[in-house]
PDB file of N, CA and C in Angstrom:
ATOM      1  N   UNK A   1     -40.829 -13.140  -6.122  1.00  0.00           N
ATOM      2  CA  UNK A   1     -40.364 -13.824  -4.928  1.00  0.00           C
ATOM      3  C   UNK A   1     -41.488 -13.877  -3.901  1.00  0.00           C
ATOM      4  N   UNK A   2     -41.538 -14.971  -3.236  1.00  0.00           N
ATOM      5  CA  UNK A   2     -42.565 -15.155  -2.223  1.00  0.00           C
ATOM      6  C   UNK A   2     -41.880 -15.194  -0.865  1.00  0.00           C
ATOM      7  N   UNK A   3     -42.315 -14.286   0.010  1.00  0.00           N
ATOM      8  CA  UNK A   3     -41.787 -14.247   1.374  1.00  0.00           C
ATOM      9  C   UNK A   3     -42.764 -14.951   2.279  1.00  0.00           C
ATOM     10  N   UNK A   4     -42.229 -15.611   3.284  1.00  0.00           N
ATOM     11  CA  UNK A   4     -43.102 -16.259   4.245  1.00  0.00           C
ATOM     12  C   UNK A   4     -43.579 -15.237   5.271  1.00  0.00           C
ATOM     13  N   UNK A   5     -44.715 -15.522   5.885  1.00  0.00           N
ATOM     14  CA  UNK A   5     -45.265 -14.615   6.892  1.00  0.00           C
ATOM     15  C   UNK A   5     -44.315 -14.443   8.069  1.00  0.00           C
ATOM     16  N   UNK A   6     -43.559 -15.455   8.355  1.00  0.00           N
ATOM     17  CA  UNK A   6     -42.608 -15.379   9.463  1.00  0.00           C
ATOM     18  C   UNK A   6     -41.532 -14.330   9.217  1.00  0.00           C
ATOM     19  N   UNK A   7     -41.032 -14.280   7.974  1.00  0.00           N
ATOM     20  CA  UNK A   7     -40.004 -13.295   7.639  1.00  0.00           C
ATOM     21  C   UNK A   7     -40.573 -11.877   7.678  1.00  0.00           C
ATOM     22  N   UNK A   8     -41.796 -11.732   7.199  1.00  0.00           N
ATOM     23  CA  UNK A   8     -42.437 -10.408   7.214  1.00  0.00           C
ATOM     24  C   UNK A   8     -42.681  -9.965   8.654  1.00  0.00           C
ATOM     25  N   UNK A   9     -43.165 -10.882   9.471  1.00  0.00           N
ATOM     26  CA  UNK A   9     -43.420 -10.548  10.876  1.00  0.00           C
ATOM     27  C   UNK A   9     -42.119 -10.188  11.586  1.00  0.00           C
ATOM     28  N   UNK A  10     -41.051 -10.890  11.274  1.00  0.00           N
ATOM     29  CA  UNK A  10     -39.756 -10.583  11.884  1.00  0.00           C
ATOM     30  C   UNK A  10     -39.286  -9.196  11.465  1.00  0.00           C
ATOM     31  N   UNK A  11     -39.438  -8.866  10.188  1.00  0.00           N
ATOM     32  CA  UNK A  11     -39.039  -7.547   9.702  1.00  0.00           C
ATOM     33  C   UNK A  11     -39.854  -6.449  10.373  1.00  0.00           C
ATOM     34  N   UNK A  12     -41.150  -6.607  10.426  1.00  0.00           N
ATOM     35  CA  UNK A  12     -42.030  -5.607  11.037  1.00  0.00           C
ATOM     36  C   UNK A  12     -41.715  -5.477  12.532  1.00  0.00           C
ATOM     37  N   UNK A  13     -41.505  -6.604  13.193  1.00  0.00           N
ATOM     38  CA  UNK A  13     -41.162  -6.571  14.618  1.00  0.00           C
ATOM     39  C   UNK A  13     -39.841  -5.854  14.845  1.00  0.00           C
ATOM     40  N   UNK A  14     -38.871  -6.118  13.993  1.00  0.00           N
ATOM     41  CA  UNK A  14     -37.569  -5.453  14.116  1.00  0.00           C
ATOM     42  C   UNK A  14     -37.675  -3.961  13.889  1.00  0.00           C
ATOM     43  N   UNK A  15     -38.426  -3.563  12.896  1.00  0.00           N
ATOM     44  CA  UNK A  15     -38.615  -2.142  12.614  1.00  0.00           C
ATOM     45  C   UNK A  15     -39.337  -1.462  13.769  1.00  0.00           C
ATOM     46  N   UNK A  16     -40.362  -2.113  14.303  1.00  0.00           N
ATOM     47  CA  UNK A  16     -41.098  -1.552  15.437  1.00  0.00           C
ATOM     48  C   UNK A  16     -40.197  -1.439  16.657  1.00  0.00           C
ATOM     49  N   UNK A  17     -39.453  -2.498  16.937  1.00  0.00           N
ATOM     50  CA  UNK A  17     -38.537  -2.483  18.078  1.00  0.00           C
ATOM     51  C   UNK A  17     -37.481  -1.395  17.900  1.00  0.00           C
ATOM     52  N   UNK A  18     -36.973  -1.226  16.680  1.00  0.00           N
ATOM     53  CA  UNK A  18     -35.984  -0.181  16.399  1.00  0.00           C
ATOM     54  C   UNK A  18     -36.554   1.198  16.635  1.00  0.00           C
ATOM     55  N   UNK A  19     -37.777   1.436  16.197  1.00  0.00           N
ATOM     56  CA  UNK A  19     -38.414   2.745  16.389  1.00  0.00           C
ATOM     57  C   UNK A  19     -38.641   3.032  17.866  1.00  0.00           C
ATOM     58  N   UNK A  20     -39.173   2.051  18.584  1.00  0.00           N
ATOM     59  CA  UNK A  20     -39.419   2.216  20.011  1.00  0.00           C
ATOM     60  C   UNK A  20     -38.084   2.367  20.743  1.00  0.00           C
ATOM     61  N   UNK A  21     -37.076   1.600  20.335  1.00  0.00           N
ATOM     62  CA  UNK A  21     -35.767   1.670  20.969  1.00  0.00           C
ATOM     63  C   UNK A  21     -35.137   3.043  20.828  1.00  0.00           C
ATOM     64  N   UNK A  22     -35.251   3.628  19.637  1.00  0.00           N
ATOM     65  CA  UNK A  22     -34.690   4.970  19.421  1.00  0.00           C
ATOM     66  C   UNK A  22     -35.416   5.977  20.293  1.00  0.00           C
ATOM     67  N   UNK A  23     -36.729   5.872  20.392  1.00  0.00           N
ATOM     68  CA  UNK A  23     -37.486   6.799  21.237  1.00  0.00           C
ATOM     69  C   UNK A  23     -37.095   6.642  22.702  1.00  0.00           C
ATOM     70  N   UNK A  24     -36.899   5.395  23.143  1.00  0.00           N
ATOM     71  CA  UNK A  24     -36.488   5.169  24.532  1.00  0.00           C
ATOM     72  C   UNK A  24     -35.092   5.733  24.801  1.00  0.00           C
ATOM     73  N   UNK A  25     -34.182   5.530  23.859  1.00  0.00           N
ATOM     74  CA  UNK A  25     -32.806   6.000  24.050  1.00  0.00           C
ATOM     75  C   UNK A  25     -32.687   7.515  24.029  1.00  0.00           C
ATOM     76  N   UNK A  26     -33.628   8.194  23.376  1.00  0.00           N
ATOM     77  CA  UNK A  26     -33.566   9.652  23.297  1.00  0.00           C
ATOM     78  C   UNK A  26     -34.551  10.334  24.239  1.00  0.00           C
ATOM     79  N   UNK A  27     -35.177   9.588  25.124  1.00  0.00           N
ATOM     80  CA  UNK A  27     -36.142  10.187  26.042  1.00  0.00           C
ATOM     81  C   UNK A  27     -35.441  11.000  27.120  1.00  0.00           C
ATOM     82  N   UNK A  28     -36.210  11.845  27.805  1.00  0.00           N
ATOM     83  CA  UNK A  28     -35.647  12.680  28.879  1.00  0.00           C
ATOM     84  C   UNK A  28     -35.092  11.817  30.006  1.00  0.00           C
ATOM     85  N   UNK A  29     -35.789  10.748  30.343  1.00  0.00           N
ATOM     86  CA  UNK A  29     -35.316   9.863  31.409  1.00  0.00           C
ATOM     87  C   UNK A  29     -33.988   9.208  31.033  1.00  0.00           C
ATOM     88  N   UNK A  30     -33.876   8.789  29.788  1.00  0.00           N
ATOM     89  CA  UNK A  30     -32.631   8.165  29.343  1.00  0.00           C
ATOM     90  C   UNK A  30     -31.497   9.180  29.387  1.00  0.00           C
ATOM     91  N   UNK A  31     -31.762  10.407  28.948  1.00  0.00           N
ATOM     92  CA  UNK A  31     -30.731  11.454  28.987  1.00  0.00           C
ATOM     93  C   UNK A  31     -30.300  11.734  30.424  1.00  0.00           C
ATOM     94  N   UNK A  32     -31.236  11.657  31.350  1.00  0.00           N
ATOM     95  CA  UNK A  32     -30.915  11.862  32.763  1.00  0.00           C
ATOM     96  C   UNK A  32     -29.975  10.753  33.247  1.00  0.00           C
ATOM     97  N   UNK A  33     -30.266   9.524  32.831  1.00  0.00           N
ATOM     98  CA  UNK A  33     -29.413   8.395  33.205  1.00  0.00           C
ATOM     99  C   UNK A  33     -28.017   8.573  32.607  1.00  0.00           C
ATOM    100  N   UNK A  34     -27.940   8.981  31.345  1.00  0.00           N
ATOM    101  CA  UNK A  34     -26.640   9.193  30.702  1.00  0.00           C
ATOM    102  C   UNK A  34     -25.854  10.281  31.432  1.00  0.00           C
ATOM    103  N   UNK A  35     -26.551  11.344  31.835  1.00  0.00           N
ATOM    104  CA  UNK A  35     -25.897  12.447  32.525  1.00  0.00           C
ATOM    105  C   UNK A  35     -25.335  11.995  33.868  1.00  0.00           C
ATOM    106  N   UNK A  36     -26.124  11.235  34.618  1.00  0.00           N
ATOM    107  CA  UNK A  36     -25.655  10.749  35.915  1.00  0.00           C
ATOM    108  C   UNK A  36     -24.487   9.768  35.754  1.00  0.00           C
ATOM    109  N   UNK A  37     -24.560   8.930  34.747  1.00  0.00           N
ATOM    110  CA  UNK A  37     -23.475   7.976  34.502  1.00  0.00           C
ATOM    111  C   UNK A  37     -22.195   8.715  34.120  1.00  0.00           C
ATOM    112  N   UNK A  38     -22.316   9.730  33.285  1.00  0.00           N
ATOM    113  CA  UNK A  38     -21.149  10.517  32.891  1.00  0.00           C
ATOM    114  C   UNK A  38     -20.553  11.241  34.085  1.00  0.00           C
ATOM    115  N   UNK A  39     -21.401  11.791  34.943  1.00  0.00           N
ATOM    116  CA  UNK A  39     -20.915  12.466  36.150  1.00  0.00           C
ATOM    117  C   UNK A  39     -20.163  11.489  37.049  1.00  0.00           C
ATOM    118  N   UNK A  40     -20.667  10.270  37.178  1.00  0.00           N
ATOM    119  CA  UNK A  40     -19.994   9.260  37.998  1.00  0.00           C
ATOM    120  C   UNK A  40     -18.635   8.898  37.405  1.00  0.00           C
ATOM    121  N   UNK A  41     -18.557   8.799  36.101  1.00  0.00           N
ATOM    122  CA  UNK A  41     -17.287   8.493  35.442  1.00  0.00           C
ATOM    123  C   UNK A  41     -16.285   9.623  35.671  1.00  0.00           C
ATOM    124  N   UNK A  42     -16.746  10.859  35.587  1.00  0.00           N
ATOM    125  CA  UNK A  42     -15.855  11.994  35.820  1.00  0.00           C
ATOM    126  C   UNK A  42     -15.350  12.017  37.259  1.00  0.00           C
ATOM    127  N   UNK A  43     -16.222  11.681  38.223  1.00  0.00           N
ATOM    128  CA  UNK A  43     -15.786  11.608  39.627  1.00  0.00           C
ATOM    129  C   UNK A  43     -14.745  10.516  39.798  1.00  0.00           C
ATOM    130  N   UNK A  44     -14.973   9.390  39.172  1.00  0.00           N
ATOM    131  CA  UNK A  44     -14.015   8.283  39.260  1.00  0.00           C
ATOM    132  C   UNK A  44     -12.682   8.683  38.645  1.00  0.00           C
ATOM    133  N   UNK A  45     -12.724   9.397  37.543  1.00  0.00           N
ATOM    134  CA  UNK A  45     -11.496   9.867  36.892  1.00  0.00           C
ATOM    135  C   UNK A  45     -10.725  10.777  37.827  1.00  0.00           C
ATOM    136  N   UNK A  46     -11.413  11.694  38.492  1.00  0.00           N
ATOM    137  CA  UNK A  46     -10.752  12.593  39.434  1.00  0.00           C
ATOM    138  C   UNK A  46     -10.099  11.817  40.567  1.00  0.00           C
ATOM    139  N   UNK A  47     -10.782  10.813  41.064  1.00  0.00           N
ATOM    140  CA  UNK A  47     -10.236   9.991  42.144  1.00  0.00           C
ATOM    141  C   UNK A  47      -8.991   9.242  41.679  1.00  0.00           C
ATOM    142  N   UNK A  48      -9.043   8.686  40.489  1.00  0.00           N
ATOM    143  CA  UNK A  48      -7.896   7.955  39.946  1.00  0.00           C
ATOM    144  C   UNK A  48      -6.720   8.906  39.742  1.00  0.00           C
ATOM    145  N   UNK A  49      -6.981  10.104  39.253  1.00  0.00           N
ATOM    146  CA  UNK A  49      -5.903  11.065  39.019  1.00  0.00           C
ATOM    147  C   UNK A  49      -5.262  11.494  40.336  1.00  0.00           C
ATOM    148  N   UNK A  50      -6.039  11.624  41.402  1.00  0.00           N
ATOM    149  CA  UNK A  50      -5.474  11.957  42.713  1.00  0.00           C
ATOM    150  C   UNK A  50      -4.546  10.836  43.181  1.00  0.00           C
ATOM    151  N   UNK A  51      -4.974   9.610  42.989  1.00  0.00           N
ATOM    152  CA  UNK A  51      -4.150   8.456  43.385  1.00  0.00           C
ATOM    153  C   UNK A  51      -2.867   8.418  42.568  1.00  0.00           C
ATOM    154  N   UNK A  52      -2.966   8.658  41.275  1.00  0.00           N
ATOM    155  CA  UNK A  52      -1.783   8.659  40.406  1.00  0.00           C
ATOM    156  C   UNK A  52      -0.807   9.737  40.857  1.00  0.00           C
ATOM    157  N   UNK A  53      -1.315  10.907  41.200  1.00  0.00           N
ATOM    158  CA  UNK A  53      -0.457  12.000  41.662  1.00  0.00           C
ATOM    159  C   UNK A  53       0.264  11.608  42.947  1.00  0.00           C
ATOM    160  N   UNK A  54      -0.440  10.983  43.870  1.00  0.00           N
ATOM    161  CA  UNK A  54       0.187  10.545  45.120  1.00  0.00           C
ATOM    162  C   UNK A  54       1.278   9.509  44.857  1.00  0.00           C
ATOM    163  N   UNK A  55       1.014   8.573  43.958  1.00  0.00           N
ATOM    164  CA  UNK A  55       2.006   7.546  43.630  1.00  0.00           C
ATOM    165  C   UNK A  55       3.234   8.189  43.000  1.00  0.00           C
ATOM    166  N   UNK A  56       3.027   9.158  42.110  1.00  0.00           N
ATOM    167  CA  UNK A  56       4.150   9.846  41.477  1.00  0.00           C
ATOM    168  C   UNK A  56       4.993  10.578  42.508  1.00  0.00           C
ATOM    169  N   UNK A  57       4.340  11.242  43.449  1.00  0.00           N
ATOM    170  CA  UNK A  57       5.072  11.957  44.489  1.00  0.00           C
ATOM    171  C   UNK A  57       5.874  10.981  45.336  1.00  0.00           C
ATOM    172  N   UNK A  58       5.296   9.841  45.684  1.00  0.00           N
ATOM    173  CA  UNK A  58       6.018   8.829  46.459  1.00  0.00           C
ATOM    174  C   UNK A  58       7.212   8.291  45.679  1.00  0.00           C
ATOM    175  N   UNK A  59       7.028   8.079  44.387  1.00  0.00           N
ATOM    176  CA  UNK A  59       8.127   7.583  43.554  1.00  0.00           C
ATOM    177  C   UNK A  59       9.261   8.605  43.485  1.00  0.00           C
ATOM    178  N   UNK A  60       8.923   9.878  43.399  1.00  0.00           N
ATOM    179  CA  UNK A  60       9.949  10.924  43.376  1.00  0.00           C
ATOM    180  C   UNK A  60      10.725  10.932  44.690  1.00  0.00           C
ATOM    181  N   UNK A  61      10.025  10.769  45.811  1.00  0.00           N
ATOM    182  CA  UNK A  61      10.692  10.722  47.113  1.00  0.00           C
ATOM    183  C   UNK A  61      11.619   9.509  47.206  1.00  0.00           C
ATOM    184  N   UNK A  62      11.144   8.374  46.736  1.00  0.00           N
ATOM    185  CA  UNK A  62      11.953   7.152  46.767  1.00  0.00           C
ATOM    186  C   UNK A  62      13.193   7.321  45.904  1.00  0.00           C
ATOM    187  N   UNK A  63      13.037   7.896  44.725  1.00  0.00           N
ATOM    188  CA  UNK A  63      14.159   8.114  43.820  1.00  0.00           C
ATOM    189  C   UNK A  63      15.182   9.057  44.451  1.00  0.00           C
ATOM    190  N   UNK A  64      14.717  10.123  45.068  1.00  0.00           N
ATOM    191  CA  UNK A  64      15.631  11.071  45.722  1.00  0.00           C
ATOM    192  C   UNK A  64      16.381  10.392  46.860  1.00  0.00           C
ATOM    193  N   UNK A  65      15.698   9.591  47.654  1.00  0.00           N
ATOM    194  CA  UNK A  65      16.353   8.866  48.747  1.00  0.00           C
ATOM    195  C   UNK A  65      17.372   7.862  48.210  1.00  0.00           C
ATOM    196  N   UNK A  66      17.032   7.169  47.151  1.00  0.00           N
ATOM    197  CA  UNK A  66      17.951   6.190  46.563  1.00  0.00           C
ATOM    198  C   UNK A  66      19.206   6.878  46.031  1.00  0.00           C
ATOM    199  N   UNK A  67      19.044   8.021  45.378  1.00  0.00           N
ATOM    200  CA  UNK A  67      20.203   8.771  44.888  1.00  0.00           C
ATOM    201  C   UNK A  67      21.078   9.228  46.047  1.00  0.00           C
ATOM    202  N   UNK A  68      20.455   9.663  47.119  1.00  0.00           N
ATOM    203  CA  UNK A  68      21.199  10.097  48.296  1.00  0.00           C
ATOM    204  C   UNK A  68      21.999   8.938  48.893  1.00  0.00           C
ATOM    205  N   UNK A  69      21.378   7.772  48.979  1.00  0.00           N
ATOM    206  CA  UNK A  69      22.068   6.586  49.500  1.00  0.00           C
ATOM    207  C   UNK A  69      23.262   6.242  48.611  1.00  0.00           C
ATOM    208  N   UNK A  70      23.068   6.263  47.306  1.00  0.00           N
ATOM    209  CA  UNK A  70      24.158   5.933  46.383  1.00  0.00           C
ATOM    210  C   UNK A  70      25.287   6.957  46.457  1.00  0.00           C
ATOM    211  N   UNK A  71      24.965   8.231  46.607  1.00  0.00           N
ATOM    212  CA  UNK A  71      25.996   9.256  46.745  1.00  0.00           C
ATOM    213  C   UNK A  71      26.792   9.052  48.028  1.00  0.00           C
ATOM    214  N   UNK A  72      26.112   8.698  49.116  1.00  0.00           N
ATOM    215  CA  UNK A  72      26.799   8.456  50.386  1.00  0.00           C
ATOM    216  C   UNK A  72      27.704   7.233  50.269  1.00  0.00           C
ATOM    217  N   UNK A  73      27.243   6.196  49.607  1.00  0.00           N
ATOM    218  CA  UNK A  73      28.072   5.004  49.405  1.00  0.00           C
ATOM    219  C   UNK A  73      29.293   5.314  48.564  1.00  0.00           C
ATOM    220  N   UNK A  74      29.090   6.083  47.496  1.00  0.00           N
ATOM    221  CA  UNK A  74      30.206   6.433  46.622  1.00  0.00           C
ATOM    222  C   UNK A  74      31.245   7.247  47.390  1.00  0.00           C
ATOM    223  N   UNK A  75      30.800   8.168  48.225  1.00  0.00           N
ATOM    224  CA  UNK A  75      31.730   8.963  49.024  1.00  0.00           C
ATOM    225  C   UNK A  75      32.472   8.083  50.014  1.00  0.00           C
ATOM    226  N   UNK A  76      31.759   7.149  50.624  1.00  0.00           N
ATOM    227  CA  UNK A  76      32.378   6.226  51.587  1.00  0.00           C
ATOM    228  C   UNK A  76      33.402   5.334  50.890  1.00  0.00           C
ATOM    229  N   UNK A  77      33.061   4.819  49.711  1.00  0.00           N
ATOM    230  CA  UNK A  77      34.003   3.985  48.965  1.00  0.00           C
ATOM    231  C   UNK A  77      35.220   4.781  48.527  1.00  0.00           C
ATOM    232  N   UNK A  78      35.004   6.022  48.124  1.00  0.00           N
ATOM    233  CA  UNK A  78      36.131   6.874  47.728  1.00  0.00           C
ATOM    234  C   UNK A  78      37.055   7.106  48.920  1.00  0.00           C
ATOM    235  N   UNK A  79      36.510   7.238  50.101  1.00  0.00           N
ATOM    236  CA  UNK A  79      37.312   7.440  51.303  1.00  0.00           C
ATOM    237  C   UNK A  79      38.153   6.195  51.580  1.00  0.00           C
ATOM    238  N   UNK A  80      37.531   5.009  51.462  1.00  0.00           N
ATOM    239  CA  UNK A  80      38.276   3.769  51.699  1.00  0.00           C
ATOM    240  C   UNK A  80      39.357   3.561  50.656  1.00  0.00           C
ATOM    241  N   UNK A  81      39.071   3.890  49.419  1.00  0.00           N
ATOM    242  CA  UNK A  81      40.063   3.751  48.357  1.00  0.00           C
ATOM    243  C   UNK A  81      41.234   4.674  48.643  1.00  0.00           C
ATOM    244  N   UNK A  82      40.934   5.885  49.105  1.00  0.00           N
ATOM    245  CA  UNK A  82      42.004   6.828  49.454  1.00  0.00           C
ATOM    246  C   UNK A  82      42.856   6.309  50.596  1.00  0.00           C
ATOM    247  N   UNK A  83      42.240   5.697  51.613  1.00  0.00           N
ATOM    248  CA  UNK A  83      42.985   5.148  52.756  1.00  0.00           C
ATOM    249  C   UNK A  83      43.853   3.979  52.298  1.00  0.00           C
ATOM    250  N   UNK A  84      43.324   3.126  51.391  1.00  0.00           N
ATOM    251  CA  UNK A  84      44.111   1.998  50.882  1.00  0.00           C
ATOM    252  C   UNK A  84      45.325   2.489  50.115  1.00  0.00           C
ATOM    253  N   UNK A  85      45.223   3.545  49.348  1.00  0.00           N
ATOM    254  CA  UNK A  85      46.352   4.092  48.603  1.00  0.00           C
ATOM    255  C   UNK A  85      47.419   4.623  49.560  1.00  0.00           C
ATOM    256  N   UNK A  86      46.981   5.269  50.642  1.00  0.00           N
ATOM    257  CA  UNK A  86      47.934   5.815  51.618  1.00  0.00           C
ATOM    258  C   UNK A  86      48.695   4.674  52.268  1.00  0.00           C
ATOM    259  N   UNK A  87      48.024   3.539  52.561  1.00  0.00           N
ATOM    260  CA  UNK A  87      48.701   2.407  53.170  1.00  0.00           C
ATOM    261  C   UNK A  87      49.736   1.819  52.232  1.00  0.00           C
ATOM    262  N   UNK A  88      49.423   1.742  50.927  1.00  0.00           N
ATOM    263  CA  UNK A  88      50.338   1.175  49.955  1.00  0.00           C
ATOM    264  C   UNK A  88      51.550   2.114  49.796  1.00  0.00           C
ATOM    265  N   UNK A  89      51.289   3.422  49.743  1.00  0.00           N
ATOM    266  CA  UNK A  89      52.355   4.402  49.575  1.00  0.00           C
ATOM    267  C   UNK A  89      53.204   4.498  50.840  1.00  0.00           C
ATOM    268  N   UNK A  90      52.565   4.535  52.006  1.00  0.00           N
ATOM    269  CA  UNK A  90      53.238   4.761  53.296  1.00  0.00           C
ATOM    270  C   UNK A  90      53.924   3.585  53.787  1.00  0.00           C
TER     271      UNK A  90
END
Protein backbone atom coordinates (compact mmCIF):
# COMPACT_ATOMS: atom_id res chain seq x y z
CA UNK A 1 0.00 0.00 0.00
CA UNK A 2 1.17 3.45 -0.81
CA UNK A 3 0.34 6.27 1.59
CA UNK A 4 0.42 9.85 0.53
CA UNK A 5 2.69 12.32 2.31
CA UNK A 6 -0.37 14.24 3.43
CA UNK A 7 -1.73 11.25 5.36
CA UNK A 8 1.64 10.59 6.97
CA UNK A 9 2.02 14.24 7.94
CA UNK A 10 -1.48 14.24 9.41
CA UNK A 11 -0.71 11.12 11.45
CA UNK A 12 2.60 12.50 12.73
CA UNK A 13 0.98 15.86 13.52
CA UNK A 14 -1.83 14.13 15.41
CA UNK A 15 0.58 12.00 17.40
CA UNK A 16 2.71 15.04 18.23
CA UNK A 17 -0.32 17.09 19.21
CA UNK A 18 -1.58 14.19 21.36
CA UNK A 19 1.76 13.89 23.17
CA UNK A 20 2.02 17.63 23.78
CA UNK A 21 -1.66 17.74 24.78
CA UNK A 22 -1.20 15.03 27.40
CA UNK A 23 1.82 16.84 28.83
CA UNK A 24 -0.13 20.11 28.97
CA UNK A 25 -3.13 18.47 30.64
CA UNK A 26 -0.96 16.84 33.31
CA UNK A 27 1.26 19.85 34.03
CA UNK A 28 1.38 21.55 37.44
CA UNK A 29 -0.31 24.65 36.04
CA UNK A 30 -3.15 22.60 34.60
CA UNK A 31 -3.60 20.77 37.92
CA UNK A 32 -3.76 24.15 39.65
CA UNK A 33 -6.51 25.25 37.26
CA UNK A 34 -8.43 22.00 37.85
CA UNK A 35 -8.11 22.47 41.61
CA UNK A 36 -9.41 26.04 41.49
CA UNK A 37 -12.27 25.05 39.21
CA UNK A 38 -13.24 22.19 41.52
CA UNK A 39 -13.13 24.51 44.54
CA UNK A 40 -15.43 26.96 42.73
CA UNK A 41 -17.87 24.17 41.91
CA UNK A 42 -17.91 23.06 45.55
CA UNK A 43 -18.60 26.65 46.69
CA UNK A 44 -21.44 26.90 44.19
CA UNK A 45 -22.85 23.59 45.44
CA UNK A 46 -22.82 24.89 49.01
CA UNK A 47 -24.63 28.04 47.93
CA UNK A 48 -27.26 26.06 46.04
CA UNK A 49 -27.79 23.74 49.01
CA UNK A 50 -28.32 26.74 51.33
CA UNK A 51 -30.94 28.10 48.94
CA UNK A 52 -32.66 24.71 48.71
CA UNK A 53 -32.77 24.48 52.50
CA UNK A 54 -34.35 27.94 52.75
CA UNK A 55 -36.96 27.04 50.12
CA UNK A 56 -37.79 23.80 51.97
CA UNK A 57 -38.22 25.67 55.24
CA UNK A 58 -40.52 28.21 53.55
CA UNK A 59 -42.55 25.39 52.00
CA UNK A 60 -42.94 23.73 55.41
CA UNK A 61 -44.17 27.03 56.88
CA UNK A 62 -46.64 27.49 54.03
CA UNK A 63 -47.92 23.93 54.42
CA UNK A 64 -48.39 24.38 58.17
CA UNK A 65 -50.27 27.65 57.62
CA UNK A 66 -52.47 26.07 54.95
CA UNK A 67 -53.35 23.16 57.25
CA UNK A 68 -54.19 25.62 60.01
CA UNK A 69 -56.47 27.59 57.68
CA UNK A 70 -58.24 24.40 56.56
CA UNK A 71 -58.71 23.24 60.16
CA UNK A 72 -60.22 26.61 61.10
CA UNK A 73 -62.56 26.46 58.10
CA UNK A 74 -63.62 22.92 58.94
CA UNK A 75 -64.37 23.95 62.53
CA UNK A 76 -66.33 26.98 61.32
CA UNK A 77 -68.33 24.86 58.86
CA UNK A 78 -69.03 22.29 61.57
CA UNK A 79 -70.36 25.08 63.78
CA UNK A 80 -72.68 26.34 61.03
CA UNK A 81 -73.90 22.83 60.29
CA UNK A 82 -74.65 22.38 63.99
CA UNK A 83 -76.61 25.68 64.08
CA UNK A 84 -78.59 24.65 60.96
CA UNK A 85 -79.57 21.34 62.61
CA UNK A 86 -80.75 23.16 65.74
CA UNK A 87 -82.94 25.45 63.60
CA UNK A 88 -84.50 22.47 61.80
CA UNK A 89 -85.08 20.60 65.09
CA UNK A 90 -86.23 23.67 67.09
